[in-house]
C-alpha cells in the first residue's frame, strides 16, 4: 500500500517539475536540490515511523543547501556584472577651445549666439555629450545640450576666456569621461582707419657738424584718420637715427656721414571703445647732403692804364 502511494506521489512530483521546467523555473529547483528535498518530504509524509522524523530533519538540512545555492548564484551574477563593467574601454573624447569673435556693434543691438563648432573642436566622443560653464564673465553662457555660446547684449570690447567642461556619457562599450577646455570670446570693434606714409627728408652735412638735427613728425611722415592714441617705434635703421615713441619726431645724430638712410617706423593707433587697434609700418628716408661750397671770388679786372 505504502509503495503504491509513493509511486503516485513521485509521478505527481515529476509532472509538477515538468511544468516548472516549461515555466523557466527548473534552474532554481535543481540548484537548491529540489528533487531530493521533495522526495524526502514525500517519503516522510508516507512513513508513520519515528525514522520519518529524521527524514524531516534531512529535508531541513537540504533546505539549508537550497539557500546556500541561491546565494552562490547571486554572487556569481554580481561578479559577472562587475567584470562586464571592467571591460569597458576609456572614452576617447577630445576637446579644444577656439577664439570666437563677436562684433561690438552687434552686441549694442542684442545678444549674439556663437555656434559650438566656432567655439571649440570636438571629436571621438562616445555617448551623449553635455556642456557646463565652469568659469568666465557672467554675460557669457553656454547651452547644456548644444554647446552654443551666448554673449549677452552690452558686453564691452575686450578678450574674455571661458572655462568649459565637456562630458561624454559613455555607452555599453565605453566609460563616461569629462574634458575641460578654454574658449576665448573676443568682442571686437570696427577696423581702425589709420593710414601712414613716410617721406624723404634732406639734411645738410654742415648742420650735423656740431649738433643733432630733429625732424618733426609732420616733415617725416603723413598720418591720417587714427582711432585712439598714436604711438611710434623704430623698427630698423642706422643707430645714429632715433624715433620719439610719443611724438614720432626723428632725431639724426651729429656727425652722421653723407649718404641716404632708410628708417622703418611702426605707427600704432590704439583704438577705442568702437575701434580696434591698428599698426602700420612705413619708411622714412633721410638724406645727408654735402655742405655747399661757395664759389671762389672772381678778381676785378685791372683798370686800364695802371
C-alpha atoms as a PDB file:
ATOM      1  CA  UNK A   1       0.000   0.000   0.000  1.00  0.00           C
ATOM      2  CA  UNK A   2       2.755   2.389   1.008  1.00  0.00           C
ATOM      3  CA  UNK A   3       4.679   1.538  -2.121  1.00  0.00           C
ATOM      4  CA  UNK A   4       1.673   2.378  -4.276  1.00  0.00           C
ATOM      5  CA  UNK A   5       1.169   5.757  -2.570  1.00  0.00           C
ATOM      6  CA  UNK A   6       4.842   6.624  -3.037  1.00  0.00           C
ATOM      7  CA  UNK A   7       4.670   5.806  -6.742  1.00  0.00           C
ATOM      8  CA  UNK A   8       1.601   8.028  -7.182  1.00  0.00           C
ATOM      9  CA  UNK A   9       3.241  10.890  -5.278  1.00  0.00           C
ATOM     10  CA  UNK A  10       6.527  10.615  -7.227  1.00  0.00           C
ATOM     11  CA  UNK A  11       4.597  10.613 -10.519  1.00  0.00           C
ATOM     12  CA  UNK A  12       2.777  13.741  -9.388  1.00  0.00           C
ATOM     13  CA  UNK A  13       6.111  15.363  -8.460  1.00  0.00           C
ATOM     14  CA  UNK A  14       7.558  14.533 -11.877  1.00  0.00           C
ATOM     15  CA  UNK A  15       4.554  16.210 -13.517  1.00  0.00           C
ATOM     16  CA  UNK A  16       4.991  19.345 -11.358  1.00  0.00           C
ATOM     17  CA  UNK A  17       8.699  19.506 -12.239  1.00  0.00           C
ATOM     18  CA  UNK A  18       7.877  19.219 -15.936  1.00  0.00           C
ATOM     19  CA  UNK A  19       5.514  22.222 -15.652  1.00  0.00           C
ATOM     20  CA  UNK A  20       8.190  24.212 -13.771  1.00  0.00           C
ATOM     21  CA  UNK A  21      10.737  23.451 -16.482  1.00  0.00           C
ATOM     22  CA  UNK A  22       8.357  24.820 -19.067  1.00  0.00           C
ATOM     23  CA  UNK A  23       7.888  27.967 -16.928  1.00  0.00           C
ATOM     24  CA  UNK A  24      11.655  28.502 -16.772  1.00  0.00           C
ATOM     25  CA  UNK A  25      11.989  27.788 -13.030  1.00  0.00           C
ATOM     26  CA  UNK A  26      13.796  24.464 -13.217  1.00  0.00           C
ATOM     27  CA  UNK A  27      17.220  26.043 -12.644  1.00  0.00           C
ATOM     28  CA  UNK A  28      16.275  27.321  -9.177  1.00  0.00           C
ATOM     29  CA  UNK A  29      14.816  23.952  -8.149  1.00  0.00           C
ATOM     30  CA  UNK A  30      17.789  21.942  -9.405  1.00  0.00           C
ATOM     31  CA  UNK A  31      20.405  24.246  -7.805  1.00  0.00           C
ATOM     32  CA  UNK A  32      18.604  24.104  -4.469  1.00  0.00           C
ATOM     33  CA  UNK A  33      18.459  20.283  -4.510  1.00  0.00           C
ATOM     34  CA  UNK A  34      14.715  20.354  -5.199  1.00  0.00           C
ATOM     35  CA  UNK A  35      14.152  16.732  -6.276  1.00  0.00           C
ATOM     36  CA  UNK A  36      15.985  15.349  -3.256  1.00  0.00           C
ATOM     37  CA  UNK A  37      14.123  17.640  -0.861  1.00  0.00           C
ATOM     38  CA  UNK A  38      10.779  16.896  -2.418  1.00  0.00           C
ATOM     39  CA  UNK A  39      11.384  13.135  -2.400  1.00  0.00           C
ATOM     40  CA  UNK A  40      12.454  13.200   1.251  1.00  0.00           C
ATOM     41  CA  UNK A  41       9.404  15.174   2.280  1.00  0.00           C
ATOM     42  CA  UNK A  42       7.088  12.878   0.400  1.00  0.00           C
ATOM     43  CA  UNK A  43       8.736   9.779   1.877  1.00  0.00           C
ATOM     44  CA  UNK A  44       8.447  11.266   5.345  1.00  0.00           C
ATOM     45  CA  UNK A  45       4.815  12.118   4.834  1.00  0.00           C
ATOM     46  CA  UNK A  46       4.008   8.496   3.931  1.00  0.00           C
ATOM     47  CA  UNK A  47       6.050   6.921   6.759  1.00  0.00           C
ATOM     48  CA  UNK A  48       4.442   6.973  10.264  1.00  0.00           C
ATOM     49  CA  UNK A  49       7.545   5.521  11.905  1.00  0.00           C
ATOM     50  CA  UNK A  50       9.912   7.673  14.052  1.00  0.00           C
ATOM     51  CA  UNK A  51      12.582   7.329  11.374  1.00  0.00           C
ATOM     52  CA  UNK A  52      10.329   9.602   9.262  1.00  0.00           C
ATOM     53  CA  UNK A  53      11.157  12.397  11.739  1.00  0.00           C
ATOM     54  CA  UNK A  54      14.811  12.024  10.874  1.00  0.00           C
ATOM     55  CA  UNK A  55      13.864  12.247   7.211  1.00  0.00           C
ATOM     56  CA  UNK A  56      12.161  15.555   8.027  1.00  0.00           C
ATOM     57  CA  UNK A  57      15.424  16.708   9.570  1.00  0.00           C
ATOM     58  CA  UNK A  58      17.165  15.737   6.318  1.00  0.00           C
ATOM     59  CA  UNK A  59      14.679  17.898   4.475  1.00  0.00           C
ATOM     60  CA  UNK A  60      15.561  20.913   6.682  1.00  0.00           C
ATOM     61  CA  UNK A  61      19.253  20.351   6.032  1.00  0.00           C
ATOM     62  CA  UNK A  62      18.672  20.130   2.308  1.00  0.00           C
ATOM     63  CA  UNK A  63      16.617  23.279   2.575  1.00  0.00           C
ATOM     64  CA  UNK A  64      19.699  24.931   4.031  1.00  0.00           C
ATOM     65  CA  UNK A  65      21.602  23.806   0.960  1.00  0.00           C
ATOM     66  CA  UNK A  66      18.943  25.465  -1.169  1.00  0.00           C
ATOM     67  CA  UNK A  67      19.564  28.879   0.497  1.00  0.00           C
ATOM     68  CA  UNK A  68      23.277  28.463   0.122  1.00  0.00           C
ATOM     69  CA  UNK A  69      22.926  27.562  -3.540  1.00  0.00           C
ATOM     70  CA  UNK A  70      20.761  30.640  -4.137  1.00  0.00           C
ATOM     71  CA  UNK A  71      23.419  32.857  -2.507  1.00  0.00           C
ATOM     72  CA  UNK A  72      26.093  31.394  -4.778  1.00  0.00           C
ATOM     73  CA  UNK A  73      24.002  32.201  -7.860  1.00  0.00           C
ATOM     74  CA  UNK A  74      23.549  35.844  -6.726  1.00  0.00           C
ATOM     75  CA  UNK A  75      27.265  36.172  -6.050  1.00  0.00           C
ATOM     76  CA  UNK A  76      28.124  34.807  -9.482  1.00  0.00           C
ATOM     77  CA  UNK A  77      25.701  37.249 -11.153  1.00  0.00           C
ATOM     78  CA  UNK A  78      27.183  40.255  -9.281  1.00  0.00           C
ATOM     79  CA  UNK A  79      30.704  39.154 -10.182  1.00  0.00           C
ATOM     80  CA  UNK A  80      29.734  38.845 -13.839  1.00  0.00           C
ATOM     81  CA  UNK A  81      28.284  42.374 -13.835  1.00  0.00           C
ATOM     82  CA  UNK A  82      31.492  43.823 -12.366  1.00  0.00           C
ATOM     83  CA  UNK A  83      33.613  42.010 -14.937  1.00  0.00           C
ATOM     84  CA  UNK A  84      31.429  43.314 -17.761  1.00  0.00           C
ATOM     85  CA  UNK A  85      31.815  46.869 -16.415  1.00  0.00           C
ATOM     86  CA  UNK A  86      35.552  46.484 -16.021  1.00  0.00           C
ATOM     87  CA  UNK A  87      35.894  45.524 -19.680  1.00  0.00           C
ATOM     88  CA  UNK A  88      34.571  48.925 -20.903  1.00  0.00           C
ATOM     89  CA  UNK A  89      37.070  50.986 -22.873  1.00  0.00           C
ATOM     90  CA  UNK A  90      38.230  54.504 -21.983  1.00  0.00           C
ATOM     91  CA  UNK A  91      36.205  57.193 -23.749  1.00  0.00           C
ATOM     92  CA  UNK A  92      38.437  58.757 -26.466  1.00  0.00           C
ATOM     93  CA  UNK A  93      36.706  62.176 -26.417  1.00  0.00           C
ATOM     94  CA  UNK A  94      38.924  65.141 -27.350  1.00  0.00           C
ATOM     95  CA  UNK A  95      38.076  68.855 -26.996  1.00  0.00           C
ATOM     96  CA  UNK A  96      39.970  72.012 -27.936  1.00  0.00           C
ATOM     97  CA  UNK A  97      38.776  75.576 -27.406  1.00  0.00           C
ATOM     98  CA  UNK A  98      38.951  78.239 -30.107  1.00  0.00           C
ATOM     99  CA  UNK A  99      38.871  82.031 -30.346  1.00  0.00           C
ATOM    100  CA  UNK A 100      35.335  83.213 -31.141  1.00  0.00           C
ATOM    101  CA  UNK A 101      34.997  86.816 -32.330  1.00  0.00           C
ATOM    102  CA  UNK A 102      31.845  88.878 -31.802  1.00  0.00           C
ATOM    103  CA  UNK A 103      31.236  92.397 -33.137  1.00  0.00           C
ATOM    104  CA  UNK A 104      30.715  95.123 -30.539  1.00  0.00           C
ATOM    105  CA  UNK A 105      28.246  96.745 -32.969  1.00  0.00           C
ATOM    106  CA  UNK A 106      26.025  93.642 -32.940  1.00  0.00           C
ATOM    107  CA  UNK A 107      26.174  93.457 -29.149  1.00  0.00           C
ATOM    108  CA  UNK A 108      24.953  97.042 -28.972  1.00  0.00           C
ATOM    109  CA  UNK A 109      21.714  95.853 -30.584  1.00  0.00           C
ATOM    110  CA  UNK A 110      21.210  92.496 -28.811  1.00  0.00           C
ATOM    111  CA  UNK A 111      22.668  89.149 -27.735  1.00  0.00           C
ATOM    112  CA  UNK A 112      24.835  87.117 -30.125  1.00  0.00           C
ATOM    113  CA  UNK A 113      24.974  83.295 -30.303  1.00  0.00           C
ATOM    114  CA  UNK A 114      28.175  81.505 -31.315  1.00  0.00           C
ATOM    115  CA  UNK A 115      27.844  78.011 -32.812  1.00  0.00           C
ATOM    116  CA  UNK A 116      29.599  75.187 -30.943  1.00  0.00           C
ATOM    117  CA  UNK A 117      31.822  74.416 -33.942  1.00  0.00           C
ATOM    118  CA  UNK A 118      33.096  78.011 -33.965  1.00  0.00           C
ATOM    119  CA  UNK A 119      33.779  77.925 -30.229  1.00  0.00           C
ATOM    120  CA  UNK A 120      35.509  74.539 -29.901  1.00  0.00           C
ATOM    121  CA  UNK A 121      36.504  71.416 -31.796  1.00  0.00           C
ATOM    122  CA  UNK A 122      35.022  68.121 -30.525  1.00  0.00           C
ATOM    123  CA  UNK A 123      35.768  64.603 -31.729  1.00  0.00           C
ATOM    124  CA  UNK A 124      35.612  60.900 -30.825  1.00  0.00           C
ATOM    125  CA  UNK A 125      33.007  61.417 -28.081  1.00  0.00           C
ATOM    126  CA  UNK A 126      31.176  58.191 -27.131  1.00  0.00           C
ATOM    127  CA  UNK A 127      27.714  58.694 -25.719  1.00  0.00           C
ATOM    128  CA  UNK A 128      25.580  61.785 -25.185  1.00  0.00           C
ATOM    129  CA  UNK A 129      27.614  64.994 -24.828  1.00  0.00           C
ATOM    130  CA  UNK A 130      26.778  67.756 -22.343  1.00  0.00           C
ATOM    131  CA  UNK A 131      28.411  71.112 -21.579  1.00  0.00           C
ATOM    132  CA  UNK A 132      28.892  73.139 -18.411  1.00  0.00           C
ATOM    133  CA  UNK A 133      30.447  76.576 -17.865  1.00  0.00           C
ATOM    134  CA  UNK A 134      32.952  76.475 -15.005  1.00  0.00           C
ATOM    135  CA  UNK A 135      34.329  80.000 -15.064  1.00  0.00           C
ATOM    136  CA  UNK A 136      34.003  83.235 -17.063  1.00  0.00           C
ATOM    137  CA  UNK A 137      32.180  86.537 -17.480  1.00  0.00           C
ATOM    138  CA  UNK A 138      28.568  86.419 -16.306  1.00  0.00           C
ATOM    139  CA  UNK A 139      27.357  87.808 -19.634  1.00  0.00           C
ATOM    140  CA  UNK A 140      28.630  84.693 -21.407  1.00  0.00           C
ATOM    141  CA  UNK A 141      26.635  81.447 -21.051  1.00  0.00           C
ATOM    142  CA  UNK A 142      26.656  78.006 -22.699  1.00  0.00           C
ATOM    143  CA  UNK A 143      23.762  75.744 -23.680  1.00  0.00           C
ATOM    144  CA  UNK A 144      23.953  72.450 -21.768  1.00  0.00           C
ATOM    145  CA  UNK A 145      22.965  70.211 -24.673  1.00  0.00           C
ATOM    146  CA  UNK A 146      24.017  72.055 -27.860  1.00  0.00           C
ATOM    147  CA  UNK A 147      27.222  73.705 -26.668  1.00  0.00           C
ATOM    148  CA  UNK A 148      26.214  77.008 -28.263  1.00  0.00           C
ATOM    149  CA  UNK A 149      27.686  80.062 -26.527  1.00  0.00           C
ATOM    150  CA  UNK A 150      25.515  83.097 -25.905  1.00  0.00           C
ATOM    151  CA  UNK A 151      27.114  86.530 -25.485  1.00  0.00           C
ATOM    152  CA  UNK A 152      24.657  88.934 -23.911  1.00  0.00           C
ATOM    153  CA  UNK A 153      23.948  92.458 -25.054  1.00  0.00           C
ATOM    154  CA  UNK A 154      26.196  95.255 -23.823  1.00  0.00           C
ATOM    155  CA  UNK A 155      29.429  93.302 -23.266  1.00  0.00           C
ATOM    156  CA  UNK A 156      32.269  95.738 -23.934  1.00  0.00           C
ATOM    157  CA  UNK A 157      35.139  95.339 -26.368  1.00  0.00           C
ATOM    158  CA  UNK A 158      37.780  93.034 -24.927  1.00  0.00           C
ATOM    159  CA  UNK A 159      39.003  89.466 -24.539  1.00  0.00           C
ATOM    160  CA  UNK A 160      37.083  87.043 -22.285  1.00  0.00           C
ATOM    161  CA  UNK A 161      38.349  83.498 -21.504  1.00  0.00           C
ATOM    162  CA  UNK A 162      35.613  80.990 -20.584  1.00  0.00           C
ATOM    163  CA  UNK A 163      36.413  77.649 -18.896  1.00  0.00           C
ATOM    164  CA  UNK A 164      34.075  74.841 -20.026  1.00  0.00           C
ATOM    165  CA  UNK A 165      33.622  71.179 -19.023  1.00  0.00           C
ATOM    166  CA  UNK A 166      32.528  68.795 -21.779  1.00  0.00           C
ATOM    167  CA  UNK A 167      31.204  65.347 -20.738  1.00  0.00           C
ATOM    168  CA  UNK A 168      30.599  62.255 -22.875  1.00  0.00           C
ATOM    169  CA  UNK A 169      28.170  59.923 -21.071  1.00  0.00           C
ATOM    170  CA  UNK A 170      29.661  56.715 -22.473  1.00  0.00           C
ATOM    171  CA  UNK A 171      27.985  53.652 -23.997  1.00  0.00           C
ATOM    172  CA  UNK A 172      27.741  49.925 -23.368  1.00  0.00           C
ATOM    173  CA  UNK A 173      31.334  49.660 -24.607  1.00  0.00           C
ATOM    174  CA  UNK A 174      32.826  52.959 -23.378  1.00  0.00           C
ATOM    175  CA  UNK A 175      33.109  54.571 -19.973  1.00  0.00           C
ATOM    176  CA  UNK A 176      31.904  58.144 -19.331  1.00  0.00           C
ATOM    177  CA  UNK A 177      34.578  60.841 -19.434  1.00  0.00           C
ATOM    178  CA  UNK A 178      34.897  64.627 -18.958  1.00  0.00           C
ATOM    179  CA  UNK A 179      37.307  67.079 -20.536  1.00  0.00           C
ATOM    180  CA  UNK A 180      37.867  70.778 -19.774  1.00  0.00           C
ATOM    181  CA  UNK A 181      38.879  73.465 -22.249  1.00  0.00           C
ATOM    182  CA  UNK A 182      39.047  77.257 -22.571  1.00  0.00           C
ATOM    183  CA  UNK A 183      37.071  79.148 -25.193  1.00  0.00           C
ATOM    184  CA  UNK A 184      38.230  82.723 -25.788  1.00  0.00           C
ATOM    185  CA  UNK A 185      35.449  85.148 -26.635  1.00  0.00           C
ATOM    186  CA  UNK A 186      36.824  88.256 -28.317  1.00  0.00           C
ATOM    187  CA  UNK A 187      34.489  91.232 -28.581  1.00  0.00           C
ATOM    188  CA  UNK A 188      35.873  93.281 -31.454  1.00  0.00           C
ATOM    189  CA  UNK A 189      35.255  96.807 -32.723  1.00  0.00           C
ATOM    190  CA  UNK A 190      35.367  98.296 -36.202  1.00  0.00           C
ATOM    191  CA  UNK A 191      38.567  98.273 -38.246  1.00  0.00           C
ATOM    192  CA  UNK A 192      40.802 101.235 -37.411  1.00  0.00           C
ATOM    193  CA  UNK A 193      41.045 103.793 -40.242  1.00  0.00           C
ATOM    194  CA  UNK A 194      44.685 104.736 -39.583  1.00  0.00           C
ATOM    195  CA  UNK A 195      46.963 105.370 -42.581  1.00  0.00           C
ATOM    196  CA  UNK A 196      50.662 106.300 -42.515  1.00  0.00           C
ATOM    197  CA  UNK A 197      53.153 107.140 -45.268  1.00  0.00           C
ATOM    198  CA  UNK A 198      56.825 108.033 -44.894  1.00  0.00           C
ATOM    199  CA  UNK A 199      58.554 110.923 -46.673  1.00  0.00           C
ATOM    200  CA  UNK A 200      62.069 111.795 -47.828  1.00  0.00           C
ATOM    201  CA  UNK A 201      63.897 114.456 -45.809  1.00  0.00           C
ATOM    202  CA  UNK A 202      67.195 116.141 -46.777  1.00  0.00           C
ATOM    203  CA  UNK A 203      69.730 117.475 -44.242  1.00  0.00           C
ATOM    204  CA  UNK A 204      72.900 119.421 -44.899  1.00  0.00           C
ATOM    205  CA  UNK A 205      76.070 117.863 -43.541  1.00  0.00           C
ATOM    206  CA  UNK A 206      77.173 121.150 -42.073  1.00  0.00           C
ATOM    207  CA  UNK A 207      74.079 121.181 -39.833  1.00  0.00           C
ATOM    208  CA  UNK A 208      75.291 117.900 -38.275  1.00  0.00           C
ATOM    209  CA  UNK A 209      78.841 119.048 -37.626  1.00  0.00           C
ATOM    210  CA  UNK A 210      78.145 120.442 -34.186  1.00  0.00           C
ATOM    211  CA  UNK A 211      74.681 119.248 -33.116  1.00  0.00           C
ATOM    212  CA  UNK A 212      71.835 116.762 -33.613  1.00  0.00           C
ATOM    213  CA  UNK A 213      69.091 117.568 -36.093  1.00  0.00           C
ATOM    214  CA  UNK A 214      65.429 116.951 -35.190  1.00  0.00           C
ATOM    215  CA  UNK A 215      62.977 116.194 -37.967  1.00  0.00           C
ATOM    216  CA  UNK A 216      59.394 116.888 -36.918  1.00  0.00           C
ATOM    217  CA  UNK A 217      56.773 114.177 -37.363  1.00  0.00           C
ATOM    218  CA  UNK A 218      54.867 116.146 -39.976  1.00  0.00           C
ATOM    219  CA  UNK A 219      58.063 116.567 -42.028  1.00  0.00           C
ATOM    220  CA  UNK A 220      58.924 112.839 -41.843  1.00  0.00           C
ATOM    221  CA  UNK A 221      55.526 111.181 -42.478  1.00  0.00           C
ATOM    222  CA  UNK A 222      51.857 111.691 -43.197  1.00  0.00           C
ATOM    223  CA  UNK A 223      49.473 110.314 -40.541  1.00  0.00           C
ATOM    224  CA  UNK A 224      45.707 110.303 -41.217  1.00  0.00           C
ATOM    225  CA  UNK A 225      42.452 109.128 -39.561  1.00  0.00           C
ATOM    226  CA  UNK A 226      43.860 107.360 -36.489  1.00  0.00           C
ATOM    227  CA  UNK A 227      41.319 105.996 -33.987  1.00  0.00           C
ATOM    228  CA  UNK A 228      42.797 106.204 -30.486  1.00  0.00           C
ATOM    229  CA  UNK A 229      46.184 107.329 -29.188  1.00  0.00           C
ATOM    230  CA  UNK A 230      49.040 107.110 -31.705  1.00  0.00           C
ATOM    231  CA  UNK A 231      52.489 105.778 -30.783  1.00  0.00           C
ATOM    232  CA  UNK A 232      55.699 105.233 -32.744  1.00  0.00           C
ATOM    233  CA  UNK A 233      58.583 102.759 -32.711  1.00  0.00           C
ATOM    234  CA  UNK A 234      61.740 102.466 -34.760  1.00  0.00           C
ATOM    235  CA  UNK A 235      61.856  99.070 -36.454  1.00  0.00           C
ATOM    236  CA  UNK A 236      65.159  99.320 -38.294  1.00  0.00           C
ATOM    237  CA  UNK A 237      67.753 101.839 -39.484  1.00  0.00           C
ATOM    238  CA  UNK A 238      71.102 103.448 -38.668  1.00  0.00           C
ATOM    239  CA  UNK A 239      71.970 103.606 -34.952  1.00  0.00           C
ATOM    240  CA  UNK A 240      72.557 107.372 -35.194  1.00  0.00           C
ATOM    241  CA  UNK A 241      68.876 107.893 -36.062  1.00  0.00           C
ATOM    242  CA  UNK A 242      66.153 107.512 -33.399  1.00  0.00           C
ATOM    243  CA  UNK A 243      62.361 107.915 -33.211  1.00  0.00           C
ATOM    244  CA  UNK A 244      60.425 109.506 -30.327  1.00  0.00           C
ATOM    245  CA  UNK A 245      57.782 106.986 -29.189  1.00  0.00           C
ATOM    246  CA  UNK A 246      55.178 109.589 -28.237  1.00  0.00           C
ATOM    247  CA  UNK A 247      55.611 112.322 -30.863  1.00  0.00           C
ATOM    248  CA  UNK A 248      57.104 110.499 -33.834  1.00  0.00           C
ATOM    249  CA  UNK A 249      59.838 113.123 -34.198  1.00  0.00           C
ATOM    250  CA  UNK A 250      63.063 111.745 -35.689  1.00  0.00           C
ATOM    251  CA  UNK A 251      66.487 112.680 -34.299  1.00  0.00           C
ATOM    252  CA  UNK A 252      69.560 112.451 -36.548  1.00  0.00           C
ATOM    253  CA  UNK A 253      72.770 112.276 -34.522  1.00  0.00           C
ATOM    254  CA  UNK A 254      75.542 114.811 -35.079  1.00  0.00           C
ATOM    255  CA  UNK A 255      78.472 113.728 -37.206  1.00  0.00           C
ATOM    256  CA  UNK A 256      76.463 111.331 -39.388  1.00  0.00           C
ATOM    257  CA  UNK A 257      78.272 110.952 -42.701  1.00  0.00           C
ATOM    258  CA  UNK A 258      76.878 111.913 -46.045  1.00  0.00           C
ATOM    259  CA  UNK A 259      74.541 109.351 -47.553  1.00  0.00           C
ATOM    260  CA  UNK A 260      70.971 108.040 -47.803  1.00  0.00           C
ATOM    261  CA  UNK A 261      69.464 106.326 -44.747  1.00  0.00           C
ATOM    262  CA  UNK A 262      66.178 104.413 -44.713  1.00  0.00           C
ATOM    263  CA  UNK A 263      64.411 104.159 -41.359  1.00  0.00           C
ATOM    264  CA  UNK A 264      61.426 101.869 -40.834  1.00  0.00           C
ATOM    265  CA  UNK A 265      58.899 103.261 -38.357  1.00  0.00           C
ATOM    266  CA  UNK A 266      55.951 101.391 -36.776  1.00  0.00           C
ATOM    267  CA  UNK A 267      52.902 103.617 -36.262  1.00  0.00           C
ATOM    268  CA  UNK A 268      50.132 102.301 -33.965  1.00  0.00           C
ATOM    269  CA  UNK A 269      46.656 103.699 -33.299  1.00  0.00           C
ATOM    270  CA  UNK A 270      45.439 102.168 -30.022  1.00  0.00           C
ATOM    271  CA  UNK A 271      41.745 102.123 -30.906  1.00  0.00           C
ATOM    272  CA  UNK A 272      38.848 102.912 -28.550  1.00  0.00           C
ATOM    273  CA  UNK A 273      35.515 101.519 -27.435  1.00  0.00           C
ATOM    274  CA  UNK A 274      34.307 101.282 -31.036  1.00  0.00           C
ATOM    275  CA  UNK A 275      37.507 100.660 -32.984  1.00  0.00           C
ATOM    276  CA  UNK A 276      40.239  98.043 -32.901  1.00  0.00           C
ATOM    277  CA  UNK A 277      43.911  98.934 -32.698  1.00  0.00           C
ATOM    278  CA  UNK A 278      45.951  99.068 -35.891  1.00  0.00           C
ATOM    279  CA  UNK A 279      49.666  99.183 -36.740  1.00  0.00           C
ATOM    280  CA  UNK A 280      51.197 100.406 -39.976  1.00  0.00           C
ATOM    281  CA  UNK A 281      54.917 100.179 -40.805  1.00  0.00           C
ATOM    282  CA  UNK A 282      56.252 102.898 -43.078  1.00  0.00           C
ATOM    283  CA  UNK A 283      59.701 104.012 -44.299  1.00  0.00           C
ATOM    284  CA  UNK A 284      61.223 107.446 -43.779  1.00  0.00           C
ATOM    285  CA  UNK A 285      64.232 108.286 -45.975  1.00  0.00           C
ATOM    286  CA  UNK A 286      66.877 110.624 -44.535  1.00  0.00           C
ATOM    287  CA  UNK A 287      69.401 112.087 -46.997  1.00  0.00           C
ATOM    288  CA  UNK A 288      72.529 113.736 -45.571  1.00  0.00           C
ATOM    289  CA  UNK A 289      73.935 116.033 -48.269  1.00  0.00           C
ATOM    290  CA  UNK A 290      77.376 117.525 -48.510  1.00  0.00           C
ATOM    291  CA  UNK A 291      77.770 121.065 -47.312  1.00  0.00           C
ATOM    292  CA  UNK A 292      77.535 123.560 -50.109  1.00  0.00           C
ATOM    293  CA  UNK A 293      80.899 125.124 -51.112  1.00  0.00           C
ATOM    294  CA  UNK A 294      80.700 128.804 -52.051  1.00  0.00           C
ATOM    295  CA  UNK A 295      82.025 129.783 -55.492  1.00  0.00           C
ATOM    296  CA  UNK A 296      85.550 131.399 -55.355  1.00  0.00           C
ATOM    297  CA  UNK A 297      85.544 135.133 -55.722  1.00  0.00           C
ATOM    298  CA  UNK A 298      86.464 136.426 -59.201  1.00  0.00           C
ATOM    299  CA  UNK A 299      89.109 139.220 -59.040  1.00  0.00           C
ATOM    300  CA  UNK A 300      88.121 142.539 -60.520  1.00  0.00           C
ATOM    301  CA  UNK A 301      89.656 143.142 -63.919  1.00  0.00           C
ATOM    302  CA  UNK A 302      92.622 145.554 -63.878  1.00  0.00           C
ATOM    303  CA  UNK A 303      91.846 149.089 -64.627  1.00  0.00           C
ATOM    304  CA  UNK A 304      93.471 150.135 -67.935  1.00  0.00           C
ATOM    305  CA  UNK A 305      96.375 152.486 -67.586  1.00  0.00           C
ATOM    306  CA  UNK A 306      97.507 151.162 -64.220  1.00  0.00           C
END
